[in-house]
Amino acid sequence: MSGPRGLLVLRAGALTTLQDRGRPGYAHLGVPRSGALDAGAHALANRLVGNPVDAATLETTLDGVALRALAPVTVAVTGAPCAVRASGRPVAWGEPVWLPGGAELEVGRAESGLRSYVAVRGGFGVPAVLGSRATDLLSGLGPPVLAAGTLLPVGSPGRDPARGADGAGAGAGAAGAGAELVLPLRLGPRADWFTAESIAGLWRSGYRVSALSNRIGLRTEAGPPLRRARGGELPSEGMVLGAVQVPPDGLPVVFLADHPVTGGYPVIGVIPEGPPLDAAAQARPGTGVRFVRAGRN
């Protein structure tokens, strides 16, 4: 079977969106950055099929996705480890896989972590909005959340796919069920809004990932609330990826890709971009969370 290059969504899963590296540079217009939560897994999936790093991939949540190839394509699945099947036959996870036209790709339930990434050679050719094909759940910009029956066009293939993951395990650093998520935190800009005792206790205490977490932020629970050193309200100010905001309940919230561009609660510190934030994207509810000092605070 052969036809137009594209993938037909047979099963959309709990939440599957198109993601790339997002649309930075528009915060002054009130537009969030968005993009893949696990940037490392997204980049690896693209590298495995020979795409540039900014090509769009599919980001699945917990229970995967099912697709039908309308023409021969090469795909790769990274991020949360899961079973991958092509027309019912087991195929490799974390490796390029060739699908003939008519073949069905089944990306299964995450065995650990939360989010898997599906890249196709040539990238998904959906229209870009402000230079990005990312779905932003907060602003509504970008392609809609995937639904069964959606046809995803595929672009022209680029260079040859990579052979394997070159030792960089797909989903490396993903927090599995029950694993502890360790987040390096640089204090500021509003650490002075909290008591010295609360900040000292932050390094000694543990939290858990809340079931209320989403692409906007990782919420915590079951840890000691951070106590204010001062009252009053803070005027809205700019927020960045990795900012740790503390709402009135005192439990830290780690801002992820779809975070708002401004906020009025104090930010006790910021988690630098990189593997720790990728791991936060994979942390399931109930995962332990511990904050540690990052650099000089």
C-alpha atoms as a PDB file:
ATOM      1  CA  MET A   1       0.000   0.000   0.000  1.00  0.00           C
ATOM      2  CA  SER A   2       1.323   3.454  -0.881  1.00  0.00           C
ATOM      3  CA  GLY A   3      -0.208   6.904  -0.973  1.00  0.00           C
ATOM      4  CA  PRO A   4       0.425  10.449   0.255  1.00  0.00           C
ATOM      5  CA  ARG A   5       3.092  10.643   2.960  1.00  0.00           C
ATOM      6  CA  GLY A   6       1.213  10.835   6.208  1.00  0.00           C
ATOM      7  CA  LEU A   7       0.181   9.080   9.410  1.00  0.00           C
ATOM      8  CA  LEU A   8      -3.455   8.499  10.334  1.00  0.00           C
ATOM      9  CA  VAL A   9      -4.307   8.559  14.042  1.00  0.00           C
ATOM     10  CA  LEU A  10      -6.159   5.366  14.974  1.00  0.00           C
ATOM     11  CA  ARG A  11      -5.994   5.815  18.758  1.00  0.00           C
ATOM     12  CA  ALA A  12      -5.093   9.175  20.252  1.00  0.00           C
ATOM     13  CA  GLY A  13      -4.336   8.052  23.816  1.00  0.00           C
ATOM     14  CA  ALA A  14      -4.958  10.041  26.983  1.00  0.00           C
ATOM     15  CA  LEU A  15      -3.155  13.149  25.705  1.00  0.00           C
ATOM     16  CA  THR A  16      -1.045  13.259  22.558  1.00  0.00           C
ATOM     17  CA  THR A  17       0.183  16.575  21.179  1.00  0.00           C
ATOM     18  CA  LEU A  18       2.565  17.812  18.514  1.00  0.00           C
ATOM     19  CA  GLN A  19       5.681  19.373  20.016  1.00  0.00           C
ATOM     20  CA  ASP A  20       8.947  20.871  18.858  1.00  0.00           C
ATOM     21  CA  ARG A  21      11.354  23.219  20.666  1.00  0.00           C
ATOM     22  CA  GLY A  22       8.555  25.724  21.218  1.00  0.00           C
ATOM     23  CA  ARG A  23       8.196  29.399  20.384  1.00  0.00           C
ATOM     24  CA  PRO A  24      10.617  31.370  22.596  1.00  0.00           C
ATOM     25  CA  GLY A  25      10.909  35.115  22.224  1.00  0.00           C
ATOM     26  CA  TYR A  26       7.224  36.051  22.448  1.00  0.00           C
ATOM     27  CA  ALA A  27       6.771  36.453  26.195  1.00  0.00           C
ATOM     28  CA  HIS A  28       6.416  40.214  25.728  1.00  0.00           C
ATOM     29  CA  LEU A  29       3.261  39.419  23.723  1.00  0.00           C
ATOM     30  CA  GLY A  30       1.938  37.104  26.420  1.00  0.00           C
ATOM     31  CA  VAL A  31       2.784  33.957  24.413  1.00  0.00           C
ATOM     32  CA  PRO A  32       4.266  31.038  26.395  1.00  0.00           C
ATOM     33  CA  ARG A  33       7.229  29.074  25.101  1.00  0.00           C
ATOM     34  CA  SER A  34       5.635  25.592  25.091  1.00  0.00           C
ATOM     35  CA  GLY A  35       7.486  22.755  23.293  1.00  0.00           C
ATOM     36  CA  ALA A  36       8.468  19.216  24.279  1.00  0.00           C
ATOM     37  CA  LEU A  37       8.585  18.676  28.040  1.00  0.00           C
ATOM     38  CA  ASP A  38      11.386  16.110  27.791  1.00  0.00           C
ATOM     39  CA  ALA A  39      13.666  18.041  25.433  1.00  0.00           C
ATOM     40  CA  GLY A  40      16.347  15.354  25.470  1.00  0.00           C
ATOM     41  CA  ALA A  41      13.984  12.554  24.421  1.00  0.00           C
ATOM     42  CA  HIS A  42      12.477  14.786  21.704  1.00  0.00           C
ATOM     43  CA  ALA A  43      15.920  15.607  20.286  1.00  0.00           C
ATOM     44  CA  LEU A  44      17.004  11.967  20.374  1.00  0.00           C
ATOM     45  CA  ALA A  45      13.884  10.794  18.514  1.00  0.00           C
ATOM     46  CA  ASN A  46      14.605  13.309  15.753  1.00  0.00           C
ATOM     47  CA  ARG A  47      18.271  12.336  15.543  1.00  0.00           C
ATOM     48  CA  LEU A  48      17.374   8.660  15.180  1.00  0.00           C
ATOM     49  CA  VAL A  49      15.325   9.351  12.039  1.00  0.00           C
ATOM     50  CA  GLY A  50      17.689  11.940  10.544  1.00  0.00           C
ATOM     51  CA  ASN A  51      15.595  15.033  11.324  1.00  0.00           C
ATOM     52  CA  PRO A  52      16.842  18.425  12.508  1.00  0.00           C
ATOM     53  CA  VAL A  53      16.340  18.872  16.239  1.00  0.00           C
ATOM     54  CA  ASP A  54      13.539  21.409  15.716  1.00  0.00           C
ATOM     55  CA  ALA A  55      11.312  19.023  13.724  1.00  0.00           C
ATOM     56  CA  ALA A  56       7.954  18.312  15.358  1.00  0.00           C
ATOM     57  CA  THR A  57       7.382  15.023  17.176  1.00  0.00           C
ATOM     58  CA  LEU A  58       4.379  13.500  18.923  1.00  0.00           C
ATOM     59  CA  GLU A  59       4.402  13.689  22.721  1.00  0.00           C
ATOM     60  CA  THR A  60       2.217  10.952  24.248  1.00  0.00           C
ATOM     61  CA  THR A  61       1.056  10.746  27.858  1.00  0.00           C
ATOM     62  CA  LEU A  62       1.044   7.437  29.754  1.00  0.00           C
ATOM     63  CA  ASP A  63      -0.859   5.180  27.329  1.00  0.00           C
ATOM     64  CA  GLY A  64       0.775   5.912  23.975  1.00  0.00           C
ATOM     65  CA  VAL A  65      -0.825   6.261  20.550  1.00  0.00           C
ATOM     66  CA  ALA A  66      -1.683   4.162  17.478  1.00  0.00           C
ATOM     67  CA  LEU A  67      -0.989   5.329  13.912  1.00  0.00           C
ATOM     68  CA  ARG A  68      -1.287   3.976  10.358  1.00  0.00           C
ATOM     69  CA  ALA A  69       1.349   4.791   7.755  1.00  0.00           C
ATOM     70  CA  LEU A  70      -0.244   5.835   4.459  1.00  0.00           C
ATOM     71  CA  ALA A  71       3.083   5.376   2.672  1.00  0.00           C
ATOM     72  CA  PRO A  72       6.459   3.907   3.696  1.00  0.00           C
ATOM     73  CA  VAL A  73       8.065   5.930   6.520  1.00  0.00           C
ATOM     74  CA  THR A  74      10.795   5.588   9.133  1.00  0.00           C
ATOM     75  CA  VAL A  75       9.847   6.287  12.752  1.00  0.00           C
ATOM     76  CA  ALA A  76      11.464   6.166  16.198  1.00  0.00           C
ATOM     77  CA  VAL A  77      10.032   6.096  19.727  1.00  0.00           C
ATOM     78  CA  THR A  78      11.958   7.466  22.724  1.00  0.00           C
ATOM     79  CA  GLY A  79      11.173   8.949  26.149  1.00  0.00           C
ATOM     80  CA  ALA A  80       9.238   6.739  28.544  1.00  0.00           C
ATOM     81  CA  PRO A  81      10.088   3.074  27.832  1.00  0.00           C
ATOM     82  CA  CYS A  82       7.153   1.205  26.297  1.00  0.00           C
ATOM     83  CA  ALA A  83       6.288  -1.688  24.007  1.00  0.00           C
ATOM     84  CA  VAL A  84       6.314  -0.736  20.321  1.00  0.00           C
ATOM     85  CA  ARG A  85       4.610  -2.862  17.655  1.00  0.00           C
ATOM     86  CA  ALA A  86       4.307  -2.610  13.878  1.00  0.00           C
ATOM     87  CA  SER A  87       1.170  -4.367  12.611  1.00  0.00           C
ATOM     88  CA  GLY A  88       1.226  -6.516  15.749  1.00  0.00           C
ATOM     89  CA  ARG A  89       4.909  -7.433  15.540  1.00  0.00           C
ATOM     90  CA  PRO A  90       7.309  -6.225  18.277  1.00  0.00           C
ATOM     91  CA  VAL A  91       9.833  -3.686  16.991  1.00  0.00           C
ATOM     92  CA  ALA A  92      12.618  -1.699  18.615  1.00  0.00           C
ATOM     93  CA  TRP A  93      12.134   1.149  21.046  1.00  0.00           C
ATOM     94  CA  GLY A  94      14.891   3.760  20.852  1.00  0.00           C
ATOM     95  CA  GLU A  95      15.856   2.706  17.298  1.00  0.00           C
ATOM     96  CA  PRO A  96      14.769   3.765  13.793  1.00  0.00           C
ATOM     97  CA  VAL A  97      11.977   1.493  12.494  1.00  0.00           C
ATOM     98  CA  TRP A  98      10.861   1.292   8.847  1.00  0.00           C
ATOM     99  CA  LEU A  99       7.093   0.993   8.292  1.00  0.00           C
ATOM    100  CA  PRO A 100       5.706  -0.081   4.928  1.00  0.00           C
ATOM    101  CA  GLY A 101       2.604   1.664   3.605  1.00  0.00           C
ATOM    102  CA  GLY A 102      -0.466   0.434   5.448  1.00  0.00           C
ATOM    103  CA  ALA A 103       1.436  -0.706   8.538  1.00  0.00           C
ATOM    104  CA  GLU A 104       0.025   0.205  11.952  1.00  0.00           C
ATOM    105  CA  LEU A 105       2.346   1.524  14.654  1.00  0.00           C
ATOM    106  CA  GLU A 106       1.219   0.853  18.233  1.00  0.00           C
ATOM    107  CA  VAL A 107       3.050   2.807  20.944  1.00  0.00           C
ATOM    108  CA  GLY A 108       2.100   1.122  24.198  1.00  0.00           C
ATOM    109  CA  ARG A 109       1.648   2.159  27.795  1.00  0.00           C
ATOM    110  CA  ALA A 110       4.658   3.717  29.506  1.00  0.00           C
ATOM    111  CA  GLU A 111       6.435   1.126  31.635  1.00  0.00           C
ATOM    112  CA  SER A 112       8.094   3.889  33.662  1.00  0.00           C
ATOM    113  CA  GLY A 113       7.910   7.645  33.328  1.00  0.00           C
ATOM    114  CA  LEU A 114       5.001   9.370  31.613  1.00  0.00           C
ATOM    115  CA  ARG A 115       5.773  10.711  28.148  1.00  0.00           C
ATOM    116  CA  SER A 116       6.989   8.986  24.988  1.00  0.00           C
ATOM    117  CA  TYR A 117       8.077  10.757  21.788  1.00  0.00           C
ATOM    118  CA  VAL A 118       7.351   9.598  18.238  1.00  0.00           C
ATOM    119  CA  ALA A 119       9.444  11.056  15.406  1.00  0.00           C
ATOM    120  CA  VAL A 120       8.914  10.387  11.701  1.00  0.00           C
ATOM    121  CA  ARG A 121      11.599  10.938   9.081  1.00  0.00           C
ATOM    122  CA  GLY A 122      10.751  14.233   7.398  1.00  0.00           C
ATOM    123  CA  GLY A 123       8.914  15.579  10.433  1.00  0.00           C
ATOM    124  CA  PHE A 124       5.226  16.325  10.803  1.00  0.00           C
ATOM    125  CA  GLY A 125       4.251  18.913   8.212  1.00  0.00           C
ATOM    126  CA  VAL A 126       1.510  20.724  10.104  1.00  0.00           C
ATOM    127  CA  PRO A 127       1.306  24.549   9.808  1.00  0.00           C
ATOM    128  CA  ALA A 128       3.562  26.545  12.108  1.00  0.00           C
ATOM    129  CA  VAL A 129       2.186  29.271  14.381  1.00  0.00           C
ATOM    130  CA  LEU A 130       4.699  31.975  15.325  1.00  0.00           C
ATOM    131  CA  GLY A 131       7.435  29.762  13.959  1.00  0.00           C
ATOM    132  CA  SER A 132       6.510  26.651  15.937  1.00  0.00           C
ATOM    133  CA  ARG A 133       4.394  23.524  15.493  1.00  0.00           C
ATOM    134  CA  ALA A 134       4.019  23.055  19.252  1.00  0.00           C
ATOM    135  CA  THR A 135       0.605  22.548  20.852  1.00  0.00           C
ATOM    136  CA  ASP A 136       0.273  24.971  23.786  1.00  0.00           C
ATOM    137  CA  LEU A 137      -2.417  23.811  26.193  1.00  0.00           C
ATOM    138  CA  LEU A 138      -2.421  27.097  28.123  1.00  0.00           C
ATOM    139  CA  SER A 139      -2.813  29.579  25.252  1.00  0.00           C
ATOM    140  CA  GLY A 140      -4.467  27.266  22.704  1.00  0.00           C
ATOM    141  CA  LEU A 141      -1.868  28.108  20.053  1.00  0.00           C
ATOM    142  CA  GLY A 142      -0.633  25.470  17.651  1.00  0.00           C
ATOM    143  CA  PRO A 143      -2.246  22.252  16.376  1.00  0.00           C
ATOM    144  CA  PRO A 144      -5.187  20.820  18.342  1.00  0.00           C
ATOM    145  CA  VAL A 145      -4.735  17.869  20.689  1.00  0.00           C
ATOM    146  CA  LEU A 146      -4.744  14.703  18.604  1.00  0.00           C
ATOM    147  CA  ALA A 147      -7.994  12.806  18.078  1.00  0.00           C
ATOM    148  CA  ALA A 148      -8.767   9.557  16.297  1.00  0.00           C
ATOM    149  CA  GLY A 149      -9.153  10.188  12.578  1.00  0.00           C
ATOM    150  CA  THR A 150      -6.614  13.035  12.446  1.00  0.00           C
ATOM    151  CA  LEU A 151      -4.355  12.868   9.387  1.00  0.00           C
ATOM    152  CA  LEU A 152      -0.811  14.042  10.084  1.00  0.00           C
ATOM    153  CA  PRO A 153       1.125  15.062   6.941  1.00  0.00           C
ATOM    154  CA  VAL A 154       4.785  14.095   6.774  1.00  0.00           C
ATOM    155  CA  GLY A 155       7.480  16.309   5.239  1.00  0.00           C
ATOM    156  CA  SER A 156      10.252  15.384   2.841  1.00  0.00           C
ATOM    157  CA  PRO A 157      12.937  13.147   4.369  1.00  0.00           C
ATOM    158  CA  GLY A 158      16.330  14.597   5.219  1.00  0.00           C
ATOM    159  CA  ARG A 159      19.613  12.819   5.909  1.00  0.00           C
ATOM    160  CA  ASP A 160      19.876   9.110   6.659  1.00  0.00           C
ATOM    161  CA  PRO A 161      18.634   7.933  10.064  1.00  0.00           C
ATOM    162  CA  ALA A 162      21.173   7.383  12.844  1.00  0.00           C
ATOM    163  CA  ARG A 163      22.144   3.866  13.810  1.00  0.00           C
ATOM    164  CA  GLY A 164      20.863   3.438  17.347  1.00  0.00           C
ATOM    165  CA  ALA A 165      21.092   5.896  20.183  1.00  0.00           C
ATOM    166  CA  ASP A 166      24.927   6.133  20.188  1.00  0.00           C
ATOM    167  CA  GLY A 167      24.971   5.140  23.849  1.00  0.00           C
ATOM    168  CA  ALA A 168      22.589   7.939  24.901  1.00  0.00           C
ATOM    169  CA  GLY A 169      19.780   5.819  26.244  1.00  0.00           C
ATOM    170  CA  ALA A 170      16.404   6.982  25.015  1.00  0.00           C
ATOM    171  CA  GLY A 171      14.616   8.484  27.970  1.00  0.00           C
ATOM    172  CA  ALA A 172      17.823   8.566  30.025  1.00  0.00           C
ATOM    173  CA  GLY A 173      17.104  10.216  33.363  1.00  0.00           C
ATOM    174  CA  ALA A 174      13.374   9.530  33.209  1.00  0.00           C
ATOM    175  CA  ALA A 175      11.945   9.068  36.678  1.00  0.00           C
ATOM    176  CA  GLY A 176      10.357   5.653  36.982  1.00  0.00           C
ATOM    177  CA  ALA A 177       7.554   4.751  39.353  1.00  0.00           C
ATOM    178  CA  GLY A 178       8.776   5.168  42.927  1.00  0.00           C
ATOM    179  CA  ALA A 179      12.094   6.823  41.926  1.00  0.00           C
ATOM    180  CA  GLU A 180      13.184  10.052  43.596  1.00  0.00           C
ATOM    181  CA  LEU A 181      13.279  13.205  41.501  1.00  0.00           C
ATOM    182  CA  VAL A 182      16.248  15.371  42.517  1.00  0.00           C
ATOM    183  CA  LEU A 183      15.941  18.987  41.363  1.00  0.00           C
ATOM    184  CA  PRO A 184      18.877  21.437  41.616  1.00  0.00           C
ATOM    185  CA  LEU A 185      17.543  24.838  42.703  1.00  0.00           C
ATOM    186  CA  ARG A 186      19.162  28.261  42.402  1.00  0.00           C
ATOM    187  CA  LEU A 187      17.626  30.578  44.963  1.00  0.00           C
ATOM    188  CA  GLY A 188      16.045  33.826  43.805  1.00  0.00           C
ATOM    189  CA  PRO A 189      14.650  36.195  42.797  1.00  0.00           C
ATOM    190  CA  ARG A 190      12.169  36.139  45.722  1.00  0.00           C
ATOM    191  CA  ALA A 191      13.874  33.885  48.259  1.00  0.00           C
ATOM    192  CA  ASP A 192      13.798  36.804  50.717  1.00  0.00           C
ATOM    193  CA  TRP A 193      10.003  36.412  50.896  1.00  0.00           C
ATOM    194  CA  PHE A 194      10.510  33.211  52.903  1.00  0.00           C
ATOM    195  CA  THR A 195      11.881  32.587  56.379  1.00  0.00           C
ATOM    196  CA  ALA A 196      15.424  31.326  56.801  1.00  0.00           C
ATOM    197  CA  GLU A 197      13.989  28.326  58.653  1.00  0.00           C
ATOM    198  CA  SER A 198      11.784  27.427  55.672  1.00  0.00           C
ATOM    199  CA  ILE A 199      14.674  27.639  53.236  1.00  0.00           C
ATOM    200  CA  ALA A 200      16.886  25.539  55.490  1.00  0.00           C
ATOM    201  CA  GLY A 201      14.053  23.022  55.810  1.00  0.00           C
ATOM    202  CA  LEU A 202      13.606  22.906  52.036  1.00  0.00           C
ATOM    203  CA  TRP A 203      17.017  21.219  51.647  1.00  0.00           C
ATOM    204  CA  ARG A 204      16.198  18.665  54.360  1.00  0.00           C
ATOM    205  CA  SER A 205      12.630  17.832  53.373  1.00  0.00           C
ATOM    206  CA  GLY A 206      10.991  15.674  50.751  1.00  0.00           C
ATOM    207  CA  TYR A 207       7.838  16.195  48.696  1.00  0.00           C
ATOM    208  CA  ARG A 208       5.796  14.092  46.293  1.00  0.00           C
ATOM    209  CA  VAL A 209       4.580  14.777  42.758  1.00  0.00           C
ATOM    210  CA  SER A 210       0.882  15.678  42.891  1.00  0.00           C
ATOM    211  CA  ALA A 211      -1.711  14.138  40.565  1.00  0.00           C
ATOM    212  CA  LEU A 212      -2.665  17.746  39.690  1.00  0.00           C
ATOM    213  CA  SER A 213       0.577  18.154  37.713  1.00  0.00           C
ATOM    214  CA  ASN A 214       0.371  18.801  33.968  1.00  0.00           C
ATOM    215  CA  ARG A 215       2.282  20.418  31.103  1.00  0.00           C
ATOM    216  CA  ILE A 216       1.968  23.790  32.838  1.00  0.00           C
ATOM    217  CA  GLY A 217       3.643  22.781  36.048  1.00  0.00           C
ATOM    218  CA  LEU A 218       4.725  19.991  38.365  1.00  0.00           C
ATOM    219  CA  ARG A 219       2.812  20.439  41.607  1.00  0.00           C
ATOM    220  CA  THR A 220       4.090  19.006  44.873  1.00  0.00           C
ATOM    221  CA  GLU A 221       2.371  17.612  47.952  1.00  0.00           C
ATOM    222  CA  ALA A 222       3.078  15.891  51.261  1.00  0.00           C
ATOM    223  CA  GLY A 223       5.996  18.138  52.214  1.00  0.00           C
ATOM    224  CA  PRO A 224       6.318  21.010  54.710  1.00  0.00           C
ATOM    225  CA  PRO A 225       4.775  24.292  53.492  1.00  0.00           C
ATOM    226  CA  LEU A 226       7.242  27.121  52.962  1.00  0.00           C
ATOM    227  CA  ARG A 227       6.551  29.954  55.398  1.00  0.00           C
ATOM    228  CA  ARG A 228       6.523  33.599  54.326  1.00  0.00           C
ATOM    229  CA  ALA A 229       8.849  36.118  55.962  1.00  0.00           C
ATOM    230  CA  ARG A 230       6.642  38.961  54.773  1.00  0.00           C
ATOM    231  CA  GLY A 231       3.004  39.536  54.007  1.00  0.00           C
ATOM    232  CA  GLY A 232       1.303  41.420  51.225  1.00  0.00           C
ATOM    233  CA  GLU A 233       0.999  40.735  47.538  1.00  0.00           C
ATOM    234  CA  LEU A 234       3.621  40.655  44.823  1.00  0.00           C
ATOM    235  CA  PRO A 235       2.899  42.484  41.540  1.00  0.00           C
ATOM    236  CA  SER A 236       2.841  40.229  38.504  1.00  0.00           C
ATOM    237  CA  GLU A 237       6.288  39.662  37.037  1.00  0.00           C
ATOM    238  CA  GLY A 238       7.878  37.557  34.317  1.00  0.00           C
ATOM    239  CA  MET A 239       8.205  33.798  34.702  1.00  0.00           C
ATOM    240  CA  VAL A 240      10.742  31.453  33.099  1.00  0.00           C
ATOM    241  CA  LEU A 241      10.929  27.737  32.429  1.00  0.00           C
ATOM    242  CA  GLY A 242      11.983  25.970  35.630  1.00  0.00           C
ATOM    243  CA  ALA A 243      10.791  28.735  37.972  1.00  0.00           C
ATOM    244  CA  VAL A 244       9.654  27.343  41.334  1.00  0.00           C
ATOM    245  CA  GLN A 245       6.656  29.375  42.412  1.00  0.00           C
ATOM    246  CA  VAL A 246       5.133  29.103  45.867  1.00  0.00           C
ATOM    247  CA  PRO A 247       1.345  29.639  46.038  1.00  0.00           C
ATOM    248  CA  PRO A 248      -0.506  30.440  49.288  1.00  0.00           C
ATOM    249  CA  ASP A 249      -0.544  26.779  50.408  1.00  0.00           C
ATOM    250  CA  GLY A 250       3.269  26.917  50.622  1.00  0.00           C
ATOM    251  CA  LEU A 251       3.878  23.871  48.406  1.00  0.00           C
ATOM    252  CA  PRO A 252       6.332  24.479  45.533  1.00  0.00           C
ATOM    253  CA  VAL A 253       5.199  24.355  41.878  1.00  0.00           C
ATOM    254  CA  VAL A 254       7.833  23.790  39.170  1.00  0.00           C
ATOM    255  CA  PHE A 255       6.888  25.600  35.952  1.00  0.00           C
ATOM    256  CA  LEU A 256       7.170  23.435  32.829  1.00  0.00           C
ATOM    257  CA  ALA A 257       6.868  24.193  29.099  1.00  0.00           C
ATOM    258  CA  ASP A 258       3.299  25.550  29.011  1.00  0.00           C
ATOM    259  CA  HIS A 259       3.783  27.854  32.018  1.00  0.00           C
ATOM    260  CA  PRO A 260       2.286  31.365  32.017  1.00  0.00           C
ATOM    261  CA  VAL A 261       4.588  34.241  31.122  1.00  0.00           C
ATOM    262  CA  THR A 262       3.740  36.207  34.285  1.00  0.00           C
ATOM    263  CA  GLY A 263       2.729  35.326  37.815  1.00  0.00           C
ATOM    264  CA  GLY A 264       1.991  37.003  41.124  1.00  0.00           C
ATOM    265  CA  TYR A 265       3.240  34.443  43.635  1.00  0.00           C
ATOM    266  CA  PRO A 266       6.889  34.643  44.772  1.00  0.00           C
ATOM    267  CA  VAL A 267       9.489  32.513  42.984  1.00  0.00           C
ATOM    268  CA  ILE A 268      11.818  31.011  45.570  1.00  0.00           C
ATOM    269  CA  GLY A 269      14.261  29.782  42.933  1.00  0.00           C
ATOM    270  CA  VAL A 270      14.826  28.435  39.437  1.00  0.00           C
ATOM    271  CA  ILE A 271      15.797  24.975  38.183  1.00  0.00           C
ATOM    272  CA  PRO A 272      18.266  25.302  35.276  1.00  0.00           C
ATOM    273  CA  GLU A 273      17.239  23.862  31.922  1.00  0.00           C
ATOM    274  CA  GLY A 274      18.615  20.407  31.156  1.00  0.00           C
ATOM    275  CA  PRO A 275      18.279  16.808  32.331  1.00  0.00           C
ATOM    276  CA  PRO A 276      16.608  17.607  35.703  1.00  0.00           C
ATOM    277  CA  LEU A 277      13.676  19.329  33.956  1.00  0.00           C
ATOM    278  CA  ASP A 278      13.520  16.450  31.458  1.00  0.00           C
ATOM    279  CA  ALA A 279      13.250  14.099  34.429  1.00  0.00           C
ATOM    280  CA  ALA A 280      10.501  16.279  35.931  1.00  0.00           C
ATOM    281  CA  ALA A 281       8.536  15.799  32.694  1.00  0.00           C
ATOM    282  CA  GLN A 282       8.661  12.033  33.283  1.00  0.00           C
ATOM    283  CA  ALA A 283       7.836  11.992  37.009  1.00  0.00           C
ATOM    284  CA  ARG A 284       4.578  10.204  37.820  1.00  0.00           C
ATOM    285  CA  PRO A 285       2.233  11.232  40.652  1.00  0.00           C
ATOM    286  CA  GLY A 286       3.592   9.901  43.926  1.00  0.00           C
ATOM    287  CA  THR A 287       7.237  10.168  42.873  1.00  0.00           C
ATOM    288  CA  GLY A 288       9.409  11.602  45.620  1.00  0.00           C
ATOM    289  CA  VAL A 289      10.829  15.085  45.046  1.00  0.00           C
ATOM    290  CA  ARG A 290      13.910  16.555  46.701  1.00  0.00           C
ATOM    291  CA  PHE A 291      15.390  20.011  46.115  1.00  0.00           C
ATOM    292  CA  VAL A 292      19.163  20.477  46.344  1.00  0.00           C
ATOM    293  CA  ARG A 293      21.377  23.536  46.030  1.00  0.00           C
ATOM    294  CA  ALA A 294      22.565  24.328  42.490  1.00  0.00           C
ATOM    295  CA  GLY A 295      25.744  26.378  42.177  1.00  0.00           C
ATOM    296  CA  ARG A 296      26.231  29.328  44.481  1.00  0.00           C
ATOM    297  CA  ASN A 297      23.041  30.653  46.090  1.00  0.00           C
END
